N, C-alpha and C. Protein backbone atom coordinates (compact mmCIF):
# COMPACT_ATOMS: atom_id res chain seq x y z
N UNK A 1 -22.56 18.38 -13.45
CA UNK A 1 -21.89 18.40 -12.17
C UNK A 1 -21.50 19.84 -11.86
N UNK A 2 -21.82 20.27 -10.67
CA UNK A 2 -21.55 21.66 -10.31
C UNK A 2 -20.05 21.89 -10.09
N UNK A 3 -19.67 23.16 -10.19
CA UNK A 3 -18.27 23.53 -10.04
C UNK A 3 -17.75 23.19 -8.65
N UNK A 4 -18.57 23.38 -7.63
CA UNK A 4 -18.10 23.09 -6.28
C UNK A 4 -17.89 21.59 -6.07
N UNK A 5 -18.69 20.77 -6.70
CA UNK A 5 -18.50 19.32 -6.60
C UNK A 5 -17.20 18.92 -7.29
N UNK A 6 -16.93 19.52 -8.45
CA UNK A 6 -15.67 19.23 -9.17
C UNK A 6 -14.47 19.57 -8.29
N UNK A 7 -14.48 20.75 -7.71
CA UNK A 7 -13.38 21.17 -6.85
C UNK A 7 -13.25 20.27 -5.63
N UNK A 8 -14.38 19.89 -5.06
CA UNK A 8 -14.38 19.03 -3.88
C UNK A 8 -13.79 17.66 -4.19
N UNK A 9 -14.12 17.11 -5.35
CA UNK A 9 -13.59 15.80 -5.75
C UNK A 9 -12.07 15.87 -5.87
N UNK A 10 -11.57 16.88 -6.57
CA UNK A 10 -10.12 17.02 -6.76
C UNK A 10 -9.40 17.21 -5.44
N UNK A 11 -9.90 18.10 -4.62
CA UNK A 11 -9.25 18.38 -3.34
C UNK A 11 -9.32 17.19 -2.39
N UNK A 12 -10.46 16.51 -2.35
CA UNK A 12 -10.61 15.35 -1.48
C UNK A 12 -9.65 14.23 -1.89
N UNK A 13 -9.51 14.01 -3.18
CA UNK A 13 -8.60 12.98 -3.66
C UNK A 13 -7.16 13.28 -3.23
N UNK A 14 -6.73 14.51 -3.47
CA UNK A 14 -5.36 14.89 -3.09
C UNK A 14 -5.17 14.83 -1.58
N UNK A 15 -6.18 15.20 -0.82
CA UNK A 15 -6.11 15.14 0.64
C UNK A 15 -5.97 13.70 1.12
N UNK A 16 -6.75 12.80 0.52
CA UNK A 16 -6.67 11.38 0.89
C UNK A 16 -5.29 10.81 0.55
N UNK A 17 -4.76 11.19 -0.60
CA UNK A 17 -3.40 10.75 -0.96
C UNK A 17 -2.38 11.24 0.06
N UNK A 18 -2.51 12.50 0.47
CA UNK A 18 -1.58 13.07 1.45
C UNK A 18 -1.69 12.32 2.78
N UNK A 19 -2.91 12.04 3.23
CA UNK A 19 -3.10 11.30 4.47
C UNK A 19 -2.51 9.89 4.37
N UNK A 20 -2.71 9.25 3.24
CA UNK A 20 -2.17 7.90 3.04
C UNK A 20 -0.64 7.92 3.08
N UNK A 21 -0.05 8.96 2.51
CA UNK A 21 1.41 9.08 2.54
C UNK A 21 1.91 9.37 3.95
N UNK A 22 1.22 10.24 4.66
CA UNK A 22 1.62 10.56 6.03
C UNK A 22 1.50 9.35 6.96
N UNK A 23 0.56 8.47 6.66
CA UNK A 23 0.39 7.24 7.45
C UNK A 23 1.19 6.08 6.87
N UNK A 24 2.05 6.36 5.92
CA UNK A 24 2.97 5.39 5.30
C UNK A 24 2.25 4.24 4.60
N UNK A 25 1.05 4.52 4.11
CA UNK A 25 0.31 3.52 3.33
C UNK A 25 0.83 3.52 1.90
N UNK A 26 1.19 4.69 1.42
CA UNK A 26 1.78 4.84 0.10
C UNK A 26 3.04 5.67 0.24
N UNK A 27 3.96 5.55 -0.72
CA UNK A 27 5.16 6.40 -0.66
C UNK A 27 4.79 7.87 -0.83
N UNK A 28 5.55 8.73 -0.20
CA UNK A 28 5.33 10.17 -0.30
C UNK A 28 5.43 10.66 -1.75
N UNK A 29 6.16 9.92 -2.56
CA UNK A 29 6.31 10.30 -3.96
C UNK A 29 4.98 10.27 -4.72
N UNK A 30 4.05 9.42 -4.29
CA UNK A 30 2.77 9.30 -5.02
C UNK A 30 1.99 10.61 -5.00
N UNK A 31 1.69 11.20 -3.84
CA UNK A 31 0.99 12.49 -3.89
C UNK A 31 1.84 13.57 -4.55
N UNK A 32 3.15 13.46 -4.41
CA UNK A 32 4.03 14.43 -5.08
C UNK A 32 3.89 14.36 -6.59
N UNK A 33 3.84 13.15 -7.12
CA UNK A 33 3.68 12.98 -8.57
C UNK A 33 2.31 13.49 -9.04
N UNK A 34 1.28 13.23 -8.24
CA UNK A 34 -0.06 13.73 -8.60
C UNK A 34 -0.08 15.26 -8.58
N UNK A 35 0.58 15.85 -7.61
CA UNK A 35 0.62 17.33 -7.54
C UNK A 35 1.35 17.91 -8.75
N UNK A 36 2.48 17.32 -9.11
CA UNK A 36 3.24 17.81 -10.27
C UNK A 36 2.42 17.65 -11.54
N UNK A 37 1.84 16.47 -11.74
CA UNK A 37 1.02 16.23 -12.94
C UNK A 37 -0.19 17.15 -12.96
N UNK A 38 -0.78 17.41 -11.80
CA UNK A 38 -1.95 18.30 -11.72
C UNK A 38 -1.56 19.74 -12.07
N UNK A 39 -0.41 20.17 -11.58
CA UNK A 39 0.07 21.52 -11.90
C UNK A 39 0.29 21.66 -13.40
N UNK A 40 0.93 20.66 -14.01
CA UNK A 40 1.18 20.70 -15.46
C UNK A 40 -0.14 20.70 -16.22
N UNK A 41 -1.10 19.87 -15.78
CA UNK A 41 -2.40 19.81 -16.45
C UNK A 41 -3.12 21.15 -16.35
N UNK A 42 -3.08 21.77 -15.17
CA UNK A 42 -3.74 23.06 -14.98
C UNK A 42 -3.14 24.10 -15.94
N UNK A 43 -1.82 24.12 -16.02
CA UNK A 43 -1.14 25.07 -16.93
C UNK A 43 -1.52 24.78 -18.38
N UNK A 44 -1.60 23.51 -18.75
CA UNK A 44 -1.98 23.15 -20.13
C UNK A 44 -3.39 23.64 -20.45
N UNK A 45 -4.31 23.50 -19.50
CA UNK A 45 -5.67 24.00 -19.70
C UNK A 45 -5.67 25.53 -19.83
N UNK A 46 -4.87 26.19 -19.00
CA UNK A 46 -4.81 27.66 -19.05
C UNK A 46 -4.27 28.13 -20.40
N UNK A 47 -3.23 27.45 -20.88
CA UNK A 47 -2.65 27.81 -22.19
C UNK A 47 -3.68 27.58 -23.28
N UNK A 48 -4.39 26.45 -23.22
CA UNK A 48 -5.40 26.15 -24.24
C UNK A 48 -6.55 27.15 -24.19
N UNK A 49 -6.98 27.52 -23.01
CA UNK A 49 -8.06 28.51 -22.88
C UNK A 49 -7.64 29.85 -23.48
N UNK A 50 -6.42 30.27 -23.17
CA UNK A 50 -5.91 31.52 -23.71
C UNK A 50 -5.82 31.46 -25.24
N UNK A 51 -5.34 30.35 -25.76
CA UNK A 51 -5.24 30.19 -27.21
C UNK A 51 -6.62 30.22 -27.86
N UNK A 52 -7.59 29.60 -27.21
CA UNK A 52 -8.96 29.59 -27.75
C UNK A 52 -9.52 31.00 -27.83
N UNK A 53 -9.25 31.80 -26.81
CA UNK A 53 -9.75 33.17 -26.79
C UNK A 53 -9.08 34.05 -27.84
N UNK A 54 -7.84 33.70 -28.21
CA UNK A 54 -7.08 34.51 -29.17
C UNK A 54 -7.08 33.91 -30.57
N UNK A 55 -7.87 32.84 -30.77
CA UNK A 55 -7.93 32.17 -32.07
C UNK A 55 -6.55 31.69 -32.53
N UNK A 56 -5.77 31.16 -31.60
CA UNK A 56 -4.42 30.67 -31.90
C UNK A 56 -4.40 29.14 -31.85
N UNK A 57 -3.20 28.58 -32.08
CA UNK A 57 -3.00 27.14 -32.05
C UNK A 57 -3.41 26.60 -30.69
N UNK A 58 -4.16 25.49 -30.71
CA UNK A 58 -4.71 24.90 -29.49
C UNK A 58 -3.96 23.66 -29.07
N UNK A 59 -4.04 23.35 -27.79
CA UNK A 59 -3.50 22.11 -27.26
C UNK A 59 -4.43 20.98 -27.69
N UNK A 60 -3.85 19.89 -28.18
CA UNK A 60 -4.67 18.75 -28.61
C UNK A 60 -5.42 18.16 -27.42
N UNK A 61 -6.67 17.78 -27.65
CA UNK A 61 -7.45 17.17 -26.58
C UNK A 61 -6.78 15.89 -26.08
N UNK A 62 -6.12 15.17 -26.98
CA UNK A 62 -5.43 13.95 -26.56
C UNK A 62 -4.32 14.26 -25.56
N UNK A 63 -3.70 15.43 -25.68
CA UNK A 63 -2.68 15.84 -24.72
C UNK A 63 -3.31 16.10 -23.36
N UNK A 64 -4.42 16.80 -23.36
CA UNK A 64 -5.13 17.07 -22.10
C UNK A 64 -5.59 15.76 -21.44
N UNK A 65 -6.08 14.84 -22.24
CA UNK A 65 -6.51 13.54 -21.71
C UNK A 65 -5.32 12.73 -21.21
N UNK A 66 -4.21 12.79 -21.92
CA UNK A 66 -3.01 12.09 -21.49
C UNK A 66 -2.51 12.58 -20.14
N UNK A 67 -2.55 13.89 -19.95
CA UNK A 67 -2.15 14.47 -18.66
C UNK A 67 -3.07 14.00 -17.54
N UNK A 68 -4.36 13.91 -17.84
CA UNK A 68 -5.31 13.42 -16.84
C UNK A 68 -5.03 11.96 -16.52
N UNK A 69 -4.75 11.18 -17.54
CA UNK A 69 -4.52 9.75 -17.36
C UNK A 69 -3.30 9.45 -16.50
N UNK A 70 -2.24 10.24 -16.64
CA UNK A 70 -1.03 9.97 -15.86
C UNK A 70 -1.09 10.52 -14.44
N UNK A 71 -2.20 11.12 -14.07
CA UNK A 71 -2.36 11.59 -12.70
C UNK A 71 -2.65 13.07 -12.56
N UNK A 72 -2.77 13.78 -13.66
CA UNK A 72 -3.05 15.21 -13.59
C UNK A 72 -4.52 15.55 -13.55
N UNK A 73 -5.36 14.54 -13.41
CA UNK A 73 -6.80 14.81 -13.46
C UNK A 73 -7.30 15.73 -12.35
N UNK A 74 -6.73 15.71 -11.12
CA UNK A 74 -7.23 16.69 -10.14
C UNK A 74 -6.98 18.13 -10.60
N UNK A 75 -5.82 18.39 -11.14
CA UNK A 75 -5.52 19.73 -11.66
C UNK A 75 -6.38 20.08 -12.86
N UNK A 76 -6.63 19.09 -13.71
CA UNK A 76 -7.49 19.31 -14.87
C UNK A 76 -8.91 19.64 -14.42
N UNK A 77 -9.37 18.94 -13.40
CA UNK A 77 -10.72 19.19 -12.87
C UNK A 77 -10.83 20.59 -12.28
N UNK A 78 -9.80 21.00 -11.56
CA UNK A 78 -9.78 22.37 -11.01
C UNK A 78 -9.74 23.40 -12.14
N UNK A 79 -8.97 23.12 -13.18
CA UNK A 79 -8.88 24.05 -14.31
C UNK A 79 -10.22 24.15 -15.03
N UNK A 80 -10.88 23.02 -15.23
CA UNK A 80 -12.19 23.05 -15.87
C UNK A 80 -13.15 23.92 -15.07
N UNK A 81 -13.05 23.85 -13.77
CA UNK A 81 -13.92 24.62 -12.89
C UNK A 81 -13.55 26.10 -12.91
N UNK A 82 -12.31 26.39 -12.59
CA UNK A 82 -11.89 27.79 -12.43
C UNK A 82 -11.79 28.56 -13.74
N UNK A 83 -11.36 27.87 -14.79
CA UNK A 83 -11.18 28.54 -16.08
C UNK A 83 -12.42 28.42 -16.97
N UNK A 84 -13.37 27.62 -16.53
CA UNK A 84 -14.56 27.34 -17.34
C UNK A 84 -14.16 26.90 -18.74
N UNK A 85 -13.31 25.88 -18.76
CA UNK A 85 -12.76 25.39 -20.03
C UNK A 85 -12.95 23.88 -20.13
N UNK A 86 -13.55 23.44 -21.21
CA UNK A 86 -13.79 22.03 -21.52
C UNK A 86 -14.76 21.37 -20.55
N UNK A 87 -15.52 22.16 -19.82
CA UNK A 87 -16.42 21.59 -18.82
C UNK A 87 -17.81 21.28 -19.38
N UNK A 88 -18.13 21.79 -20.54
CA UNK A 88 -19.47 21.57 -21.11
C UNK A 88 -19.46 20.66 -22.33
N UNK A 89 -18.32 20.46 -22.93
CA UNK A 89 -18.23 19.63 -24.14
C UNK A 89 -18.38 18.16 -23.72
N UNK A 90 -19.53 17.58 -24.00
CA UNK A 90 -19.85 16.24 -23.51
C UNK A 90 -18.90 15.17 -24.02
N UNK A 91 -18.49 15.23 -25.28
CA UNK A 91 -17.57 14.21 -25.79
C UNK A 91 -16.24 14.27 -25.05
N UNK A 92 -15.79 15.48 -24.73
CA UNK A 92 -14.54 15.63 -23.98
C UNK A 92 -14.73 15.10 -22.56
N UNK A 93 -15.85 15.43 -21.93
CA UNK A 93 -16.11 15.00 -20.56
C UNK A 93 -16.19 13.48 -20.45
N UNK A 94 -16.77 12.83 -21.44
CA UNK A 94 -16.87 11.37 -21.42
C UNK A 94 -15.47 10.74 -21.40
N UNK A 95 -14.60 11.22 -22.27
CA UNK A 95 -13.23 10.68 -22.30
C UNK A 95 -12.49 11.08 -21.02
N UNK A 96 -12.69 12.31 -20.57
CA UNK A 96 -12.01 12.77 -19.37
C UNK A 96 -12.34 11.88 -18.18
N UNK A 97 -13.63 11.62 -17.93
CA UNK A 97 -14.01 10.81 -16.78
C UNK A 97 -13.57 9.37 -16.94
N UNK A 98 -13.44 8.90 -18.17
CA UNK A 98 -12.88 7.57 -18.41
C UNK A 98 -11.42 7.54 -17.97
N UNK A 99 -10.66 8.60 -18.28
CA UNK A 99 -9.26 8.65 -17.87
C UNK A 99 -9.15 8.71 -16.34
N UNK A 100 -10.07 9.41 -15.70
CA UNK A 100 -10.07 9.48 -14.23
C UNK A 100 -10.27 8.08 -13.66
N UNK A 101 -11.26 7.36 -14.17
CA UNK A 101 -11.53 6.01 -13.68
C UNK A 101 -10.35 5.07 -13.93
N UNK A 102 -9.75 5.17 -15.11
CA UNK A 102 -8.58 4.34 -15.42
C UNK A 102 -7.42 4.66 -14.48
N UNK A 103 -7.18 5.94 -14.25
CA UNK A 103 -6.09 6.34 -13.36
C UNK A 103 -6.34 5.83 -11.94
N UNK A 104 -7.53 6.03 -11.44
CA UNK A 104 -7.84 5.58 -10.08
C UNK A 104 -7.79 4.06 -9.97
N UNK A 105 -8.24 3.38 -11.01
CA UNK A 105 -8.16 1.92 -11.04
C UNK A 105 -6.72 1.44 -11.00
N UNK A 106 -5.85 2.08 -11.77
CA UNK A 106 -4.43 1.72 -11.78
C UNK A 106 -3.80 2.00 -10.42
N UNK A 107 -4.13 3.12 -9.81
CA UNK A 107 -3.61 3.44 -8.48
C UNK A 107 -4.09 2.40 -7.47
N UNK A 108 -5.35 2.05 -7.53
CA UNK A 108 -5.89 1.03 -6.63
C UNK A 108 -5.18 -0.30 -6.81
N UNK A 109 -4.92 -0.69 -8.05
CA UNK A 109 -4.21 -1.95 -8.32
C UNK A 109 -2.79 -1.89 -7.78
N UNK A 110 -2.13 -0.75 -7.93
CA UNK A 110 -0.76 -0.63 -7.43
C UNK A 110 -0.70 -0.77 -5.91
N UNK A 111 -1.80 -0.49 -5.24
CA UNK A 111 -1.85 -0.61 -3.79
C UNK A 111 -2.12 -2.03 -3.31
N UNK A 112 -2.43 -2.94 -4.24
CA UNK A 112 -2.62 -4.34 -3.87
C UNK A 112 -1.26 -5.03 -3.80
N UNK A 113 -1.24 -6.22 -3.23
CA UNK A 113 0.01 -6.97 -3.12
C UNK A 113 0.59 -7.28 -4.50
N UNK A 114 -0.25 -7.73 -5.43
CA UNK A 114 0.26 -8.07 -6.76
C UNK A 114 0.71 -6.83 -7.52
N UNK A 115 -0.01 -5.74 -7.35
CA UNK A 115 0.39 -4.50 -8.01
C UNK A 115 1.69 -3.96 -7.45
N UNK A 116 1.82 -4.01 -6.13
CA UNK A 116 3.06 -3.56 -5.49
C UNK A 116 4.24 -4.39 -5.93
N UNK A 117 4.02 -5.70 -6.04
CA UNK A 117 5.09 -6.60 -6.48
C UNK A 117 5.48 -6.29 -7.92
N UNK A 118 4.49 -6.04 -8.76
CA UNK A 118 4.76 -5.73 -10.17
C UNK A 118 5.54 -4.43 -10.32
N UNK A 119 5.17 -3.41 -9.57
CA UNK A 119 5.87 -2.13 -9.69
C UNK A 119 7.29 -2.23 -9.15
N UNK A 120 7.48 -3.00 -8.06
CA UNK A 120 8.83 -3.17 -7.54
C UNK A 120 9.70 -3.91 -8.55
N UNK A 121 9.13 -4.90 -9.22
CA UNK A 121 9.88 -5.63 -10.25
C UNK A 121 10.20 -4.72 -11.43
N UNK A 122 9.25 -3.87 -11.79
CA UNK A 122 9.46 -2.98 -12.93
C UNK A 122 10.56 -1.96 -12.69
N UNK A 123 10.72 -1.54 -11.43
CA UNK A 123 11.76 -0.55 -11.16
C UNK A 123 13.02 -1.19 -10.57
N UNK A 124 13.03 -2.53 -10.57
CA UNK A 124 14.23 -3.26 -10.17
C UNK A 124 14.45 -3.40 -8.68
N UNK A 125 13.40 -3.32 -7.88
CA UNK A 125 13.54 -3.46 -6.44
C UNK A 125 13.12 -4.84 -5.94
N UNK A 126 12.65 -5.70 -6.84
CA UNK A 126 12.18 -7.03 -6.41
C UNK A 126 13.29 -8.04 -6.43
């Protein structure tokens, strides 16, 4: 996958979330949480890239995948593109794209009536 496609996917996803929030389809907090998680993921990739170049302690791949899973995948995708980090390691990419699909699937479920009801019950609003 080319670098421009990676960037386009991340930006398009965040743009769609912003539009959905502006049209009150989702709470404004949702794109906000994705932006925060993406920023943290990008910083984690930058720290790991720097450590790799200096032969220092590295960030665990499970940490990078966890950040992607909780919503930081757009930032992780941008970091992979801009920093040229973890973009060629196929085993990492397989798990990464699995976390993206899981995250998007969970977001899609939360937007359904049953998912919305479950999340409201979980946070005590039901």
